[in-house]
């Protein structure tokens, strides 16, 4: 998918900055999707393999996701602001 976005960026010669913003948005979305898949896998393993209750998993998962999301969003917005 990123390969298509890079090809699109090369075709848009007059709108280089718009293409770069599109690439950054796609990068952000891919990062969020991968992080959510990892979280689901870890939750599955913790519940079914280690026998933790869903309530025990939920509190830790929400805290970790909040911290991770804040760090990713901060970095992404800082990069977006630098590119302008």
N, C-alpha and C. Protein backbone atom coordinates (compact mmCIF):
# COMPACT_ATOMS: atom_id res chain seq x y z
N UNK A 1 0.82 -1.19 0.00
CA UNK A 1 0.00 0.00 0.00
C UNK A 1 0.87 1.25 0.00
N UNK A 2 1.96 1.19 0.75
CA UNK A 2 2.86 2.34 0.79
C UNK A 2 3.53 2.53 -0.56
N UNK A 3 3.73 1.42 -1.28
CA UNK A 3 4.34 1.48 -2.60
C UNK A 3 3.44 2.29 -3.55
N UNK A 4 2.14 2.07 -3.47
CA UNK A 4 1.19 2.82 -4.31
C UNK A 4 1.25 4.30 -3.95
N UNK A 5 1.32 4.59 -2.67
CA UNK A 5 1.37 5.98 -2.24
C UNK A 5 2.64 6.67 -2.73
N UNK A 6 3.77 5.95 -2.73
CA UNK A 6 5.00 6.54 -3.23
C UNK A 6 4.92 6.79 -4.72
N UNK A 7 4.29 5.87 -5.47
CA UNK A 7 4.09 6.09 -6.89
C UNK A 7 3.19 7.28 -7.15
N UNK A 8 2.17 7.43 -6.32
CA UNK A 8 1.27 8.57 -6.43
C UNK A 8 2.02 9.87 -6.16
N UNK A 9 2.93 9.82 -5.20
CA UNK A 9 3.71 11.02 -4.88
C UNK A 9 4.60 11.43 -6.05
N UNK A 10 5.12 10.45 -6.78
CA UNK A 10 5.97 10.77 -7.93
C UNK A 10 5.15 11.33 -9.08
N UNK A 11 3.91 10.90 -9.25
CA UNK A 11 3.08 11.38 -10.35
C UNK A 11 2.56 12.80 -10.12
N UNK A 12 2.42 13.19 -8.88
CA UNK A 12 1.90 14.52 -8.56
C UNK A 12 3.05 15.52 -8.49
N UNK A 13 3.55 15.93 -9.63
CA UNK A 13 4.72 16.80 -9.64
C UNK A 13 4.38 18.21 -9.14
N UNK A 14 3.20 18.71 -9.47
CA UNK A 14 2.84 20.06 -9.07
C UNK A 14 2.38 20.17 -7.64
N UNK A 15 2.00 19.07 -7.05
CA UNK A 15 1.45 19.09 -5.69
C UNK A 15 2.29 18.22 -4.77
N UNK A 16 3.57 18.51 -4.72
CA UNK A 16 4.50 17.71 -3.92
C UNK A 16 4.13 17.72 -2.44
N UNK A 17 3.80 18.87 -1.91
CA UNK A 17 3.48 18.94 -0.48
C UNK A 17 2.20 18.20 -0.15
N UNK A 18 1.22 18.23 -1.05
CA UNK A 18 -0.03 17.49 -0.82
C UNK A 18 0.24 15.99 -0.84
N UNK A 19 1.11 15.55 -1.72
CA UNK A 19 1.44 14.13 -1.78
C UNK A 19 2.18 13.70 -0.52
N UNK A 20 3.04 14.54 0.00
CA UNK A 20 3.76 14.21 1.22
C UNK A 20 2.81 14.12 2.41
N UNK A 21 1.82 15.00 2.44
CA UNK A 21 0.82 14.93 3.51
C UNK A 21 0.02 13.64 3.39
N UNK A 22 -0.32 13.25 2.16
CA UNK A 22 -1.02 11.99 1.94
C UNK A 22 -0.18 10.81 2.42
N UNK A 23 1.11 10.84 2.14
CA UNK A 23 1.99 9.77 2.61
C UNK A 23 2.05 9.72 4.13
N UNK A 24 2.08 10.87 4.75
CA UNK A 24 2.13 10.89 6.21
C UNK A 24 0.83 10.37 6.82
N UNK A 25 -0.29 10.68 6.21
CA UNK A 25 -1.57 10.18 6.70
C UNK A 25 -1.65 8.67 6.53
N UNK A 26 -1.22 8.17 5.37
CA UNK A 26 -1.21 6.72 5.16
C UNK A 26 -0.27 6.02 6.13
N UNK A 27 0.88 6.62 6.39
CA UNK A 27 1.83 6.06 7.35
C UNK A 27 1.21 5.99 8.74
N UNK A 28 0.51 7.04 9.12
CA UNK A 28 -0.15 7.07 10.42
C UNK A 28 -1.22 5.99 10.52
N UNK A 29 -2.02 5.83 9.48
CA UNK A 29 -3.08 4.83 9.49
C UNK A 29 -2.52 3.41 9.54
N UNK A 30 -1.46 3.16 8.81
CA UNK A 30 -0.82 1.84 8.86
C UNK A 30 -0.27 1.57 10.25
N UNK A 31 0.33 2.57 10.86
CA UNK A 31 0.87 2.42 12.21
C UNK A 31 -0.23 2.08 13.21
N UNK A 32 -1.36 2.76 13.11
CA UNK A 32 -2.48 2.50 14.02
C UNK A 32 -3.03 1.09 13.80
N UNK A 33 -3.14 0.67 12.55
CA UNK A 33 -3.65 -0.68 12.26
C UNK A 33 -2.72 -1.76 12.80
N UNK A 34 -1.43 -1.58 12.62
CA UNK A 34 -0.47 -2.57 13.13
C UNK A 34 -0.50 -2.60 14.65
N UNK A 35 -0.57 -1.45 15.27
CA UNK A 35 -0.61 -1.40 16.74
C UNK A 35 -1.87 -2.08 17.28
N UNK A 36 -2.99 -1.88 16.61
CA UNK A 36 -4.23 -2.52 17.09
C UNK A 36 -4.18 -4.03 16.91
N UNK A 37 -3.57 -4.51 15.83
CA UNK A 37 -3.44 -5.96 15.64
C UNK A 37 -2.51 -6.56 16.70
N UNK A 38 -1.45 -5.87 17.04
CA UNK A 38 -0.56 -6.35 18.09
C UNK A 38 -1.28 -6.38 19.43
N UNK A 39 -2.08 -5.35 19.70
CA UNK A 39 -2.82 -5.30 20.96
C UNK A 39 -3.83 -6.45 21.05
N UNK A 40 -4.53 -6.72 19.95
CA UNK A 40 -5.47 -7.83 19.94
C UNK A 40 -4.77 -9.17 20.16
N UNK A 41 -3.62 -9.34 19.54
CA UNK A 41 -2.87 -10.59 19.71
C UNK A 41 -2.39 -10.75 21.15
N UNK A 42 -1.87 -9.68 21.73
CA UNK A 42 -1.42 -9.75 23.12
C UNK A 42 -2.58 -10.03 24.07
N UNK A 43 -3.73 -9.42 23.82
CA UNK A 43 -4.90 -9.68 24.65
C UNK A 43 -5.37 -11.12 24.54
N UNK A 44 -5.36 -11.67 23.35
CA UNK A 44 -5.74 -13.07 23.14
C UNK A 44 -4.82 -14.00 23.91
N UNK A 45 -3.51 -13.77 23.78
CA UNK A 45 -2.53 -14.62 24.47
C UNK A 45 -2.67 -14.49 25.99
N UNK A 46 -2.84 -13.27 26.48
CA UNK A 46 -2.96 -13.07 27.93
C UNK A 46 -4.22 -13.74 28.48
N UNK A 47 -5.30 -13.72 27.72
CA UNK A 47 -6.56 -14.29 28.22
C UNK A 47 -6.59 -15.81 28.08
N UNK A 48 -6.28 -16.31 26.90
CA UNK A 48 -6.45 -17.74 26.65
C UNK A 48 -5.24 -18.59 27.01
N UNK A 49 -4.05 -18.02 27.00
CA UNK A 49 -2.86 -18.81 27.33
C UNK A 49 -2.50 -18.65 28.80
N UNK A 50 -2.47 -17.41 29.29
CA UNK A 50 -2.07 -17.18 30.68
C UNK A 50 -3.24 -17.14 31.65
N UNK A 51 -4.46 -17.10 31.16
CA UNK A 51 -5.63 -17.19 32.02
C UNK A 51 -6.00 -15.92 32.76
N UNK A 52 -5.54 -14.77 32.31
CA UNK A 52 -5.92 -13.52 32.96
C UNK A 52 -7.36 -13.17 32.60
N UNK A 53 -8.07 -12.54 33.53
CA UNK A 53 -9.44 -12.14 33.22
C UNK A 53 -9.42 -10.93 32.28
N UNK A 54 -10.53 -10.74 31.59
CA UNK A 54 -10.61 -9.62 30.65
C UNK A 54 -10.53 -8.28 31.38
N UNK A 55 -11.02 -8.22 32.59
CA UNK A 55 -10.97 -6.97 33.36
C UNK A 55 -9.53 -6.61 33.71
N UNK A 56 -8.73 -7.62 34.07
CA UNK A 56 -7.31 -7.36 34.37
C UNK A 56 -6.57 -6.85 33.14
N UNK A 57 -6.91 -7.40 32.00
CA UNK A 57 -6.24 -7.00 30.76
C UNK A 57 -6.67 -5.61 30.34
N UNK A 58 -7.95 -5.29 30.52
CA UNK A 58 -8.51 -4.04 29.99
C UNK A 58 -7.84 -2.80 30.57
N UNK A 59 -7.64 -2.76 31.87
CA UNK A 59 -7.06 -1.56 32.51
C UNK A 59 -5.64 -1.31 32.00
N UNK A 60 -4.84 -2.36 31.94
CA UNK A 60 -3.46 -2.20 31.46
C UNK A 60 -3.43 -1.83 29.98
N UNK A 61 -4.34 -2.43 29.22
CA UNK A 61 -4.37 -2.16 27.78
C UNK A 61 -4.77 -0.72 27.50
N UNK A 62 -5.74 -0.21 28.22
CA UNK A 62 -6.17 1.18 28.01
C UNK A 62 -5.07 2.16 28.38
N UNK A 63 -4.39 1.91 29.46
CA UNK A 63 -3.29 2.78 29.87
C UNK A 63 -2.17 2.76 28.84
N UNK A 64 -1.78 1.57 28.42
CA UNK A 64 -0.70 1.45 27.43
C UNK A 64 -1.08 2.06 26.09
N UNK A 65 -2.32 1.83 25.66
CA UNK A 65 -2.77 2.39 24.38
C UNK A 65 -2.83 3.91 24.43
N UNK A 66 -3.24 4.45 25.55
CA UNK A 66 -3.29 5.91 25.70
C UNK A 66 -1.91 6.54 25.61
N UNK A 67 -0.96 5.94 26.30
CA UNK A 67 0.41 6.46 26.27
C UNK A 67 1.01 6.33 24.88
N UNK A 68 0.84 5.15 24.27
CA UNK A 68 1.38 4.92 22.93
C UNK A 68 0.73 5.86 21.91
N UNK A 69 -0.58 6.01 21.98
CA UNK A 69 -1.28 6.89 21.05
C UNK A 69 -0.84 8.34 21.18
N UNK A 70 -0.64 8.78 22.41
CA UNK A 70 -0.19 10.16 22.63
C UNK A 70 1.21 10.39 22.05
N UNK A 71 2.09 9.41 22.22
CA UNK A 71 3.45 9.54 21.68
C UNK A 71 3.46 9.55 20.16
N UNK A 72 2.68 8.66 19.56
CA UNK A 72 2.62 8.60 18.10
C UNK A 72 2.00 9.87 17.53
N UNK A 73 0.93 10.34 18.13
CA UNK A 73 0.27 11.54 17.64
C UNK A 73 1.17 12.77 17.78
N UNK A 74 1.89 12.86 18.88
CA UNK A 74 2.81 13.98 19.08
C UNK A 74 3.90 13.99 18.02
N UNK A 75 4.47 12.83 17.76
CA UNK A 75 5.53 12.75 16.75
C UNK A 75 4.97 13.06 15.36
N UNK A 76 3.80 12.54 15.07
CA UNK A 76 3.20 12.74 13.75
C UNK A 76 2.88 14.21 13.50
N UNK A 77 2.27 14.87 14.49
CA UNK A 77 1.94 16.28 14.31
C UNK A 77 3.19 17.15 14.26
N UNK A 78 4.23 16.77 14.98
CA UNK A 78 5.48 17.52 14.92
C UNK A 78 6.11 17.40 13.53
N UNK A 79 6.07 16.20 12.95
CA UNK A 79 6.60 16.01 11.60
C UNK A 79 5.76 16.76 10.57
N UNK A 80 4.46 16.72 10.75
CA UNK A 80 3.55 17.41 9.83
C UNK A 80 3.80 18.91 9.86
N UNK A 81 4.06 19.44 11.04
CA UNK A 81 4.30 20.88 11.16
C UNK A 81 5.65 21.28 10.56
N UNK A 82 6.64 20.39 10.66
CA UNK A 82 7.96 20.68 10.08
C UNK A 82 7.90 20.70 8.57
N UNK A 83 7.02 19.88 7.97
CA UNK A 83 6.99 19.77 6.51
C UNK A 83 6.35 20.98 5.85
N UNK A 84 5.65 21.80 6.60
CA UNK A 84 4.99 22.98 6.01
C UNK A 84 5.94 24.08 5.83
